Amino acid sequence: DIGNPFFTALVRGVEDVAQQTGYSV
C-alpha cells in the first residue's frame, strides 16, 4: 500500500542503501 506512511520511510531506507551501493530502485 503506497498510501500507507509506514512504507514511505521504509522505501527511503531501501533507496539510501541502494544509492550507496550503485543500484536504482
mmCIF file of all heavy atoms, coordinates in Angstrom:
data_MODEL
# 
_entry.id   MODEL 
# 
loop_
_atom_site.group_PDB 
_atom_site.id 
_atom_site.type_symbol 
_atom_site.label_atom_id 
_atom_site.label_alt_id 
_atom_site.label_comp_id 
_atom_site.label_asym_id 
_atom_site.label_entity_id 
_atom_site.label_seq_id 
_atom_site.pdbx_PDB_ins_code 
_atom_site.Cartn_x 
_atom_site.Cartn_y 
_atom_site.Cartn_z 
_atom_site.occupancy 
_atom_site.B_iso_or_equiv 
_atom_site.pdbx_formal_charge 
_atom_site.auth_seq_id 
_atom_site.auth_comp_id 
_atom_site.auth_asym_id 
_atom_site.auth_atom_id 
_atom_site.pdbx_PDB_model_num 
ATOM 1   N N   . ASP A 1 1  ? 0.842  -1.200 0.000   1.00 0.00 ? 1  ASP A N   1 
ATOM 2   C CA  . ASP A 1 1  ? 0.000  0.000  0.000   1.00 0.00 ? 1  ASP A CA  1 
ATOM 3   C C   . ASP A 1 1  ? 0.872  1.243  0.000   1.00 0.00 ? 1  ASP A C   1 
ATOM 4   O O   . ASP A 1 1  ? 1.370  1.672  1.039   1.00 0.00 ? 1  ASP A O   1 
ATOM 5   C CB  . ASP A 1 1  ? -0.927 0.000  1.224   1.00 0.00 ? 1  ASP A CB  1 
ATOM 6   C CG  . ASP A 1 1  ? -1.903 1.173  1.229   1.00 0.00 ? 1  ASP A CG  1 
ATOM 7   O OD1 . ASP A 1 1  ? -1.895 1.950  0.254   1.00 0.00 ? 1  ASP A OD1 1 
ATOM 8   O OD2 . ASP A 1 1  ? -2.668 1.309  2.199   1.00 0.00 ? 1  ASP A OD2 1 
ATOM 9   N N   . ILE A 1 2  ? 1.026  1.848  -1.170  1.00 0.00 ? 2  ILE A N   1 
ATOM 10  C CA  . ILE A 1 2  ? 1.881  3.027  -1.291  1.00 0.00 ? 2  ILE A CA  1 
ATOM 11  C C   . ILE A 1 2  ? 1.313  4.217  -0.524  1.00 0.00 ? 2  ILE A C   1 
ATOM 12  O O   . ILE A 1 2  ? 2.029  5.167  -0.200  1.00 0.00 ? 2  ILE A O   1 
ATOM 13  C CB  . ILE A 1 2  ? 2.065  3.381  -2.787  1.00 0.00 ? 2  ILE A CB  1 
ATOM 14  C CG1 . ILE A 1 2  ? 3.272  4.303  -2.981  1.00 0.00 ? 2  ILE A CG1 1 
ATOM 15  C CG2 . ILE A 1 2  ? 0.804  3.998  -3.374  1.00 0.00 ? 2  ILE A CG2 1 
ATOM 16  C CD1 . ILE A 1 2  ? 3.624  4.522  -4.426  1.00 0.00 ? 2  ILE A CD1 1 
ATOM 17  N N   . GLY A 1 3  ? 0.010  4.189  -0.212  1.00 0.00 ? 3  GLY A N   1 
ATOM 18  C CA  . GLY A 1 3  ? -0.603 5.285  0.530   1.00 0.00 ? 3  GLY A CA  1 
ATOM 19  C C   . GLY A 1 3  ? -0.379 5.224  2.022   1.00 0.00 ? 3  GLY A C   1 
ATOM 20  O O   . GLY A 1 3  ? -0.743 6.159  2.746   1.00 0.00 ? 3  GLY A O   1 
ATOM 21  N N   . ASN A 1 4  ? 0.233  4.157  2.514   1.00 0.00 ? 4  ASN A N   1 
ATOM 22  C CA  . ASN A 1 4  ? 0.469  3.999  3.944   1.00 0.00 ? 4  ASN A CA  1 
ATOM 23  C C   . ASN A 1 4  ? 1.800  4.657  4.329   1.00 0.00 ? 4  ASN A C   1 
ATOM 24  O O   . ASN A 1 4  ? 2.844  4.286  3.779   1.00 0.00 ? 4  ASN A O   1 
ATOM 25  C CB  . ASN A 1 4  ? 0.495  2.514  4.300   1.00 0.00 ? 4  ASN A CB  1 
ATOM 26  C CG  . ASN A 1 4  ? 0.506  2.268  5.798   1.00 0.00 ? 4  ASN A CG  1 
ATOM 27  O OD1 . ASN A 1 4  ? 1.004  3.069  6.570   1.00 0.00 ? 4  ASN A OD1 1 
ATOM 28  N ND2 . ASN A 1 4  ? -0.047 1.145  6.205   1.00 0.00 ? 4  ASN A ND2 1 
ATOM 29  N N   . PRO A 1 5  ? 1.797  5.624  5.263   1.00 0.00 ? 5  PRO A N   1 
ATOM 30  C CA  . PRO A 1 5  ? 3.054  6.290  5.652   1.00 0.00 ? 5  PRO A CA  1 
ATOM 31  C C   . PRO A 1 5  ? 4.124  5.331  6.148   1.00 0.00 ? 5  PRO A C   1 
ATOM 32  O O   . PRO A 1 5  ? 5.315  5.647  6.090   1.00 0.00 ? 5  PRO A O   1 
ATOM 33  C CB  . PRO A 1 5  ? 2.607  7.246  6.768   1.00 0.00 ? 5  PRO A CB  1 
ATOM 34  C CG  . PRO A 1 5  ? 1.148  7.471  6.528   1.00 0.00 ? 5  PRO A CG  1 
ATOM 35  C CD  . PRO A 1 5  ? 0.624  6.186  5.965   1.00 0.00 ? 5  PRO A CD  1 
ATOM 36  N N   . PHE A 1 6  ? 3.722  4.157  6.636   1.00 0.00 ? 6  PHE A N   1 
ATOM 37  C CA  . PHE A 1 6  ? 4.686  3.158  7.080   1.00 0.00 ? 6  PHE A CA  1 
ATOM 38  C C   . PHE A 1 6  ? 5.683  2.832  5.970   1.00 0.00 ? 6  PHE A C   1 
ATOM 39  O O   . PHE A 1 6  ? 6.892  2.710  6.201   1.00 0.00 ? 6  PHE A O   1 
ATOM 40  C CB  . PHE A 1 6  ? 3.941  1.886  7.517   1.00 0.00 ? 6  PHE A CB  1 
ATOM 41  C CG  . PHE A 1 6  ? 4.809  0.666  7.661   1.00 0.00 ? 6  PHE A CG  1 
ATOM 42  C CD1 . PHE A 1 6  ? 5.595  0.477  8.784   1.00 0.00 ? 6  PHE A CD1 1 
ATOM 43  C CD2 . PHE A 1 6  ? 4.835  -0.302 6.672   1.00 0.00 ? 6  PHE A CD2 1 
ATOM 44  C CE1 . PHE A 1 6  ? 6.402  -0.652 8.918   1.00 0.00 ? 6  PHE A CE1 1 
ATOM 45  C CE2 . PHE A 1 6  ? 5.630  -1.432 6.794   1.00 0.00 ? 6  PHE A CE2 1 
ATOM 46  C CZ  . PHE A 1 6  ? 6.406  -1.602 7.923   1.00 0.00 ? 6  PHE A CZ  1 
ATOM 47  N N   . PHE A 1 7  ? 5.186  2.709  4.736   1.00 0.00 ? 7  PHE A N   1 
ATOM 48  C CA  . PHE A 1 7  ? 6.053  2.315  3.626   1.00 0.00 ? 7  PHE A CA  1 
ATOM 49  C C   . PHE A 1 7  ? 6.906  3.468  3.108   1.00 0.00 ? 7  PHE A C   1 
ATOM 50  O O   . PHE A 1 7  ? 7.911  3.242  2.444   1.00 0.00 ? 7  PHE A O   1 
ATOM 51  C CB  . PHE A 1 7  ? 5.225  1.715  2.490   1.00 0.00 ? 7  PHE A CB  1 
ATOM 52  C CG  . PHE A 1 7  ? 4.696  0.341  2.796   1.00 0.00 ? 7  PHE A CG  1 
ATOM 53  C CD1 . PHE A 1 7  ? 3.347  0.139  3.037   1.00 0.00 ? 7  PHE A CD1 1 
ATOM 54  C CD2 . PHE A 1 7  ? 5.551  -0.737 2.870   1.00 0.00 ? 7  PHE A CD2 1 
ATOM 55  C CE1 . PHE A 1 7  ? 2.864  -1.122 3.333   1.00 0.00 ? 7  PHE A CE1 1 
ATOM 56  C CE2 . PHE A 1 7  ? 5.085  -2.009 3.166   1.00 0.00 ? 7  PHE A CE2 1 
ATOM 57  C CZ  . PHE A 1 7  ? 3.726  -2.207 3.396   1.00 0.00 ? 7  PHE A CZ  1 
ATOM 58  N N   . THR A 1 8  ? 6.505  4.696  3.404   1.00 0.00 ? 8  THR A N   1 
ATOM 59  C CA  . THR A 1 8  ? 7.274  5.848  2.923   1.00 0.00 ? 8  THR A CA  1 
ATOM 60  C C   . THR A 1 8  ? 8.683  5.840  3.494   1.00 0.00 ? 8  THR A C   1 
ATOM 61  O O   . THR A 1 8  ? 9.683  5.926  2.764   1.00 0.00 ? 8  THR A O   1 
ATOM 62  C CB  . THR A 1 8  ? 6.569  7.161  3.296   1.00 0.00 ? 8  THR A CB  1 
ATOM 63  O OG1 . THR A 1 8  ? 5.227  7.130  2.806   1.00 0.00 ? 8  THR A OG1 1 
ATOM 64  C CG2 . THR A 1 8  ? 7.308  8.357  2.726   1.00 0.00 ? 8  THR A CG2 1 
ATOM 65  N N   . ALA A 1 9  ? 8.774  5.739  4.831   1.00 0.00 ? 9  ALA A N   1 
ATOM 66  C CA  . ALA A 1 9  ? 10.089 5.715  5.476   1.00 0.00 ? 9  ALA A CA  1 
ATOM 67  C C   . ALA A 1 9  ? 10.842 4.438  5.136   1.00 0.00 ? 9  ALA A C   1 
ATOM 68  O O   . ALA A 1 9  ? 12.067 4.447  4.987   1.00 0.00 ? 9  ALA A O   1 
ATOM 69  C CB  . ALA A 1 9  ? 9.924  5.850  6.988   1.00 0.00 ? 9  ALA A CB  1 
ATOM 70  N N   . LEU A 1 10 ? 10.117 3.333  4.998   1.00 0.00 ? 10 LEU A N   1 
ATOM 71  C CA  . LEU A 1 10 ? 10.762 2.060  4.661   1.00 0.00 ? 10 LEU A CA  1 
ATOM 72  C C   . LEU A 1 10 ? 11.457 2.145  3.297   1.00 0.00 ? 10 LEU A C   1 
ATOM 73  O O   . LEU A 1 10 ? 12.631 1.770  3.159   1.00 0.00 ? 10 LEU A O   1 
ATOM 74  C CB  . LEU A 1 10 ? 9.709  0.956  4.670   1.00 0.00 ? 10 LEU A CB  1 
ATOM 75  C CG  . LEU A 1 10 ? 10.167 -0.489 4.491   1.00 0.00 ? 10 LEU A CG  1 
ATOM 76  C CD1 . LEU A 1 10 ? 9.174  -1.438 5.158   1.00 0.00 ? 10 LEU A CD1 1 
ATOM 77  C CD2 . LEU A 1 10 ? 10.296 -0.864 3.020   1.00 0.00 ? 10 LEU A CD2 1 
ATOM 78  N N   . VAL A 1 11 ? 10.738 2.661  2.306   1.00 0.00 ? 11 VAL A N   1 
ATOM 79  C CA  . VAL A 1 11 ? 11.327 2.753  0.962   1.00 0.00 ? 11 VAL A CA  1 
ATOM 80  C C   . VAL A 1 11 ? 12.494 3.731  0.950   1.00 0.00 ? 11 VAL A C   1 
ATOM 81  O O   . VAL A 1 11 ? 13.479 3.528  0.228   1.00 0.00 ? 11 VAL A O   1 
ATOM 82  C CB  . VAL A 1 11 ? 10.241 3.155  -0.062  1.00 0.00 ? 11 VAL A CB  1 
ATOM 83  C CG1 . VAL A 1 11 ? 10.864 3.441  -1.422  1.00 0.00 ? 11 VAL A CG1 1 
ATOM 84  C CG2 . VAL A 1 11 ? 9.205  2.047  -0.186  1.00 0.00 ? 11 VAL A CG2 1 
ATOM 85  N N   . ARG A 1 12 ? 12.409 4.786  1.761   1.00 0.00 ? 12 ARG A N   1 
ATOM 86  C CA  . ARG A 1 12 ? 13.541 5.716  1.841   1.00 0.00 ? 12 ARG A CA  1 
ATOM 87  C C   . ARG A 1 12 ? 14.799 5.004  2.348   1.00 0.00 ? 12 ARG A C   1 
ATOM 88  O O   . ARG A 1 12 ? 15.903 5.222  1.842   1.00 0.00 ? 12 ARG A O   1 
ATOM 89  C CB  . ARG A 1 12 ? 13.192 6.891  2.754   1.00 0.00 ? 12 ARG A CB  1 
ATOM 90  C CG  . ARG A 1 12 ? 14.293 7.932  2.881   1.00 0.00 ? 12 ARG A CG  1 
ATOM 91  C CD  . ARG A 1 12 ? 14.669 8.506  1.512   1.00 0.00 ? 12 ARG A CD  1 
ATOM 92  N NE  . ARG A 1 12 ? 15.778 9.421  1.579   1.00 0.00 ? 12 ARG A NE  1 
ATOM 93  C CZ  . ARG A 1 12 ? 15.647 10.741 1.714   1.00 0.00 ? 12 ARG A CZ  1 
ATOM 94  N NH1 . ARG A 1 12 ? 14.450 11.284 1.813   1.00 0.00 ? 12 ARG A NH1 1 
ATOM 95  N NH2 . ARG A 1 12 ? 16.707 11.520 1.738   1.00 0.00 ? 12 ARG A NH2 1 
ATOM 96  N N   . GLY A 1 13 ? 14.623 4.133  3.342   1.00 0.00 ? 13 GLY A N   1 
ATOM 97  C CA  . GLY A 1 13 ? 15.764 3.364  3.835   1.00 0.00 ? 13 GLY A CA  1 
ATOM 98  C C   . GLY A 1 13 ? 16.351 2.463  2.770   1.00 0.00 ? 13 GLY A C   1 
ATOM 99  O O   . GLY A 1 13 ? 17.579 2.341  2.631   1.00 0.00 ? 13 GLY A O   1 
ATOM 100 N N   . VAL A 1 14 ? 15.480 1.840  1.971   1.00 0.00 ? 14 VAL A N   1 
ATOM 101 C CA  . VAL A 1 14 ? 15.946 0.992  0.869   1.00 0.00 ? 14 VAL A CA  1 
ATOM 102 C C   . VAL A 1 14 ? 16.721 1.826  -0.149  1.00 0.00 ? 14 VAL A C   1 
ATOM 103 O O   . VAL A 1 14 ? 17.824 1.460  -0.576  1.00 0.00 ? 14 VAL A O   1 
ATOM 104 C CB  . VAL A 1 14 ? 14.756 0.298  0.170   1.00 0.00 ? 14 VAL A CB  1 
ATOM 105 C CG1 . VAL A 1 14 ? 15.225 -0.418 -1.099  1.00 0.00 ? 14 VAL A CG1 1 
ATOM 106 C CG2 . VAL A 1 14 ? 14.081 -0.688 1.114   1.00 0.00 ? 14 VAL A CG2 1 
ATOM 107 N N   . GLU A 1 15 ? 16.144 2.960  -0.523  1.00 0.00 ? 15 GLU A N   1 
ATOM 108 C CA  . GLU A 1 15 ? 16.754 3.776  -1.571  1.00 0.00 ? 15 GLU A CA  1 
ATOM 109 C C   . GLU A 1 15 ? 18.120 4.317  -1.155  1.00 0.00 ? 15 GLU A C   1 
ATOM 110 O O   . GLU A 1 15 ? 19.064 4.349  -1.958  1.00 0.00 ? 15 GLU A O   1 
ATOM 111 C CB  . GLU A 1 15 ? 15.837 4.932  -1.950  1.00 0.00 ? 15 GLU A CB  1 
ATOM 112 C CG  . GLU A 1 15 ? 16.366 5.711  -3.144  1.00 0.00 ? 15 GLU A CG  1 
ATOM 113 C CD  . GLU A 1 15 ? 15.556 6.946  -3.450  1.00 0.00 ? 15 GLU A CD  1 
ATOM 114 O OE1 . GLU A 1 15 ? 15.074 7.586  -2.502  1.00 0.00 ? 15 GLU A OE1 1 
ATOM 115 O OE2 . GLU A 1 15 ? 15.427 7.276  -4.633  1.00 0.00 ? 15 GLU A OE2 1 
ATOM 116 N N   . ASP A 1 16 ? 18.241 4.746  0.097   1.00 0.00 ? 16 ASP A N   1 
ATOM 117 C CA  . ASP A 1 16 ? 19.518 5.294  0.544   1.00 0.00 ? 16 ASP A CA  1 
ATOM 118 C C   . ASP A 1 16 ? 20.640 4.262  0.435   1.00 0.00 ? 16 ASP A C   1 
ATOM 119 O O   . ASP A 1 16 ? 21.750 4.569  -0.001  1.00 0.00 ? 16 ASP A O   1 
ATOM 120 C CB  . ASP A 1 16 ? 19.398 5.814  1.982   1.00 0.00 ? 16 ASP A CB  1 
ATOM 121 C CG  . ASP A 1 16 ? 18.644 7.138  2.060   1.00 0.00 ? 16 ASP A CG  1 
ATOM 122 O OD1 . ASP A 1 16 ? 18.362 7.725  0.998   1.00 0.00 ? 16 ASP A OD1 1 
ATOM 123 O OD2 . ASP A 1 16 ? 18.325 7.572  3.186   1.00 0.00 ? 16 ASP A OD2 1 
ATOM 124 N N   . VAL A 1 17 ? 20.355 3.033  0.839   1.00 0.00 ? 17 VAL A N   1 
ATOM 125 C CA  . VAL A 1 17 ? 21.371 1.976  0.726   1.00 0.00 ? 17 VAL A CA  1 
ATOM 126 C C   . VAL A 1 17 ? 21.634 1.653  -0.738  1.00 0.00 ? 17 VAL A C   1 
ATOM 127 O O   . VAL A 1 17 ? 22.787 1.450  -1.148  1.00 0.00 ? 17 VAL A O   1 
ATOM 128 C CB  . VAL A 1 17 ? 20.925 0.714  1.491   1.00 0.00 ? 17 VAL A CB  1 
ATOM 129 C CG1 . VAL A 1 17 ? 21.878 -0.451 1.226   1.00 0.00 ? 17 VAL A CG1 1 
ATOM 130 C CG2 . VAL A 1 17 ? 20.860 0.999  2.989   1.00 0.00 ? 17 VAL A CG2 1 
ATOM 131 N N   . ALA A 1 18 ? 20.572 1.598  -1.541  1.00 0.00 ? 18 ALA A N   1 
ATOM 132 C CA  . ALA A 1 18 ? 20.734 1.291  -2.970  1.00 0.00 ? 18 ALA A CA  1 
ATOM 133 C C   . ALA A 1 18 ? 21.641 2.308  -3.647  1.00 0.00 ? 18 ALA A C   1 
ATOM 134 O O   . ALA A 1 18 ? 22.532 1.950  -4.427  1.00 0.00 ? 18 ALA A O   1 
ATOM 135 C CB  . ALA A 1 18 ? 19.369 1.252  -3.649  1.00 0.00 ? 18 ALA A CB  1 
ATOM 136 N N   . GLN A 1 19 ? 21.432 3.587  -3.355  1.00 0.00 ? 19 GLN A N   1 
ATOM 137 C CA  . GLN A 1 19 ? 22.252 4.633  -3.962  1.00 0.00 ? 19 GLN A CA  1 
ATOM 138 C C   . GLN A 1 19 ? 23.719 4.494  -3.556  1.00 0.00 ? 19 GLN A C   1 
ATOM 139 O O   . GLN A 1 19 ? 24.615 4.722  -4.366  1.00 0.00 ? 19 GLN A O   1 
ATOM 140 C CB  . GLN A 1 19 ? 21.731 6.010  -3.551  1.00 0.00 ? 19 GLN A CB  1 
ATOM 141 C CG  . GLN A 1 19 ? 20.405 6.386  -4.193  1.00 0.00 ? 19 GLN A CG  1 
ATOM 142 C CD  . GLN A 1 19 ? 20.523 6.581  -5.691  1.00 0.00 ? 19 GLN A CD  1 
ATOM 143 O OE1 . GLN A 1 19 ? 21.381 7.315  -6.167  1.00 0.00 ? 19 GLN A OE1 1 
ATOM 144 N NE2 . GLN A 1 19 ? 19.671 5.914  -6.452  1.00 0.00 ? 19 GLN A NE2 1 
ATOM 145 N N   . GLN A 1 20 ? 23.954 4.117  -2.316  1.00 0.00 ? 20 GLN A N   1 
ATOM 146 C CA  . GLN A 1 20 ? 25.324 3.951  -1.828  1.00 0.00 ? 20 GLN A CA  1 
ATOM 147 C C   . GLN A 1 20 ? 26.034 2.788  -2.511  1.00 0.00 ? 20 GLN A C   1 
ATOM 148 O O   . GLN A 1 20 ? 27.254 2.777  -2.617  1.00 0.00 ? 20 GLN A O   1 
ATOM 149 C CB  . GLN A 1 20 ? 25.318 3.721  -0.317  1.00 0.00 ? 20 GLN A CB  1 
ATOM 150 C CG  . GLN A 1 20 ? 24.840 4.911  0.503   1.00 0.00 ? 20 GLN A CG  1 
ATOM 151 C CD  . GLN A 1 20 ? 24.540 4.516  1.939   1.00 0.00 ? 20 GLN A CD  1 
ATOM 152 O OE1 . GLN A 1 20 ? 24.879 3.420  2.393   1.00 0.00 ? 20 GLN A OE1 1 
ATOM 153 N NE2 . GLN A 1 20 ? 23.867 5.399  2.669   1.00 0.00 ? 20 GLN A NE2 1 
ATOM 154 N N   . THR A 1 21 ? 25.263 1.801  -2.947  1.00 0.00 ? 21 THR A N   1 
ATOM 155 C CA  . THR A 1 21 ? 25.867 0.586  -3.493  1.00 0.00 ? 21 THR A CA  1 
ATOM 156 C C   . THR A 1 21 ? 25.712 0.467  -5.006  1.00 0.00 ? 21 THR A C   1 
ATOM 157 O O   . THR A 1 21 ? 25.965 -0.601 -5.579  1.00 0.00 ? 21 THR A O   1 
ATOM 158 C CB  . THR A 1 21 ? 25.252 -0.663 -2.808  1.00 0.00 ? 21 THR A CB  1 
ATOM 159 O OG1 . THR A 1 21 ? 23.816 -0.584 -2.870  1.00 0.00 ? 21 THR A OG1 1 
ATOM 160 C CG2 . THR A 1 21 ? 25.678 -0.740 -1.348  1.00 0.00 ? 21 THR A CG2 1 
ATOM 161 N N   . GLY A 1 22 ? 25.277 1.553  -5.667  1.00 0.00 ? 22 GLY A N   1 
ATOM 162 C CA  . GLY A 1 22 ? 25.252 1.565  -7.119  1.00 0.00 ? 22 GLY A CA  1 
ATOM 163 C C   . GLY A 1 22 ? 23.991 1.023  -7.765  1.00 0.00 ? 22 GLY A C   1 
ATOM 164 O O   . GLY A 1 22 ? 23.989 0.708  -8.966  1.00 0.00 ? 22 GLY A O   1 
ATOM 165 N N   . TYR A 1 23 ? 22.918 0.916  -7.011  1.00 0.00 ? 23 TYR A N   1 
ATOM 166 C CA  . TYR A 1 23 ? 21.658 0.422  -7.557  1.00 0.00 ? 23 TYR A CA  1 
ATOM 167 C C   . TYR A 1 23 ? 20.613 1.529  -7.609  1.00 0.00 ? 23 TYR A C   1 
ATOM 168 O O   . TYR A 1 23 ? 20.676 2.514  -6.859  1.00 0.00 ? 23 TYR A O   1 
ATOM 169 C CB  . TYR A 1 23 ? 21.112 -0.739 -6.711  1.00 0.00 ? 23 TYR A CB  1 
ATOM 170 C CG  . TYR A 1 23 ? 21.943 -1.996 -6.789  1.00 0.00 ? 23 TYR A CG  1 
ATOM 171 C CD1 . TYR A 1 23 ? 22.911 -2.269 -5.816  1.00 0.00 ? 23 TYR A CD1 1 
ATOM 172 C CD2 . TYR A 1 23 ? 21.773 -2.899 -7.829  1.00 0.00 ? 23 TYR A CD2 1 
ATOM 173 C CE1 . TYR A 1 23 ? 23.685 -3.420 -5.890  1.00 0.00 ? 23 TYR A CE1 1 
ATOM 174 C CE2 . TYR A 1 23 ? 22.546 -4.054 -7.906  1.00 0.00 ? 23 TYR A CE2 1 
ATOM 175 C CZ  . TYR A 1 23 ? 23.503 -4.298 -6.933  1.00 0.00 ? 23 TYR A CZ  1 
ATOM 176 O OH  . TYR A 1 23 ? 24.258 -5.440 -7.014  1.00 0.00 ? 23 TYR A OH  1 
ATOM 177 N N   . SER A 1 24 ? 19.626 1.355  -8.469  1.00 0.00 ? 24 SER A N   1 
ATOM 178 C CA  . SER A 1 24 ? 18.450 2.220  -8.522  1.00 0.00 ? 24 SER A CA  1 
ATOM 179 C C   . SER A 1 24 ? 17.239 1.398  -8.092  1.00 0.00 ? 24 SER A C   1 
ATOM 180 O O   . SER A 1 24 ? 17.257 0.161  -8.154  1.00 0.00 ? 24 SER A O   1 
ATOM 181 C CB  . SER A 1 24 ? 18.235 2.770  -9.932  1.00 0.00 ? 24 SER A CB  1 
ATOM 182 O OG  . SER A 1 24 ? 19.338 3.559  -10.329 1.00 0.00 ? 24 SER A OG  1 
ATOM 183 N N   . VAL A 1 25 ? 16.182 2.094  -7.685  1.00 0.00 ? 25 VAL A N   1 
ATOM 184 C CA  . VAL A 1 25 ? 15.012 1.424  -7.113  1.00 0.00 ? 25 VAL A CA  1 
ATOM 185 C C   . VAL A 1 25 ? 13.782 1.704  -7.963  1.00 0.00 ? 25 VAL A C   1 
ATOM 186 O O   . VAL A 1 25 ? 13.524 2.841  -8.356  1.00 0.00 ? 25 VAL A O   1 
ATOM 187 C CB  . VAL A 1 25 ? 14.764 1.903  -5.671  1.00 0.00 ? 25 VAL A CB  1 
ATOM 188 C CG1 . VAL A 1 25 ? 13.452 1.332  -5.115  1.00 0.00 ? 25 VAL A CG1 1 
ATOM 189 C CG2 . VAL A 1 25 ? 15.930 1.501  -4.766  1.00 0.00 ? 25 VAL A CG2 1 
# 
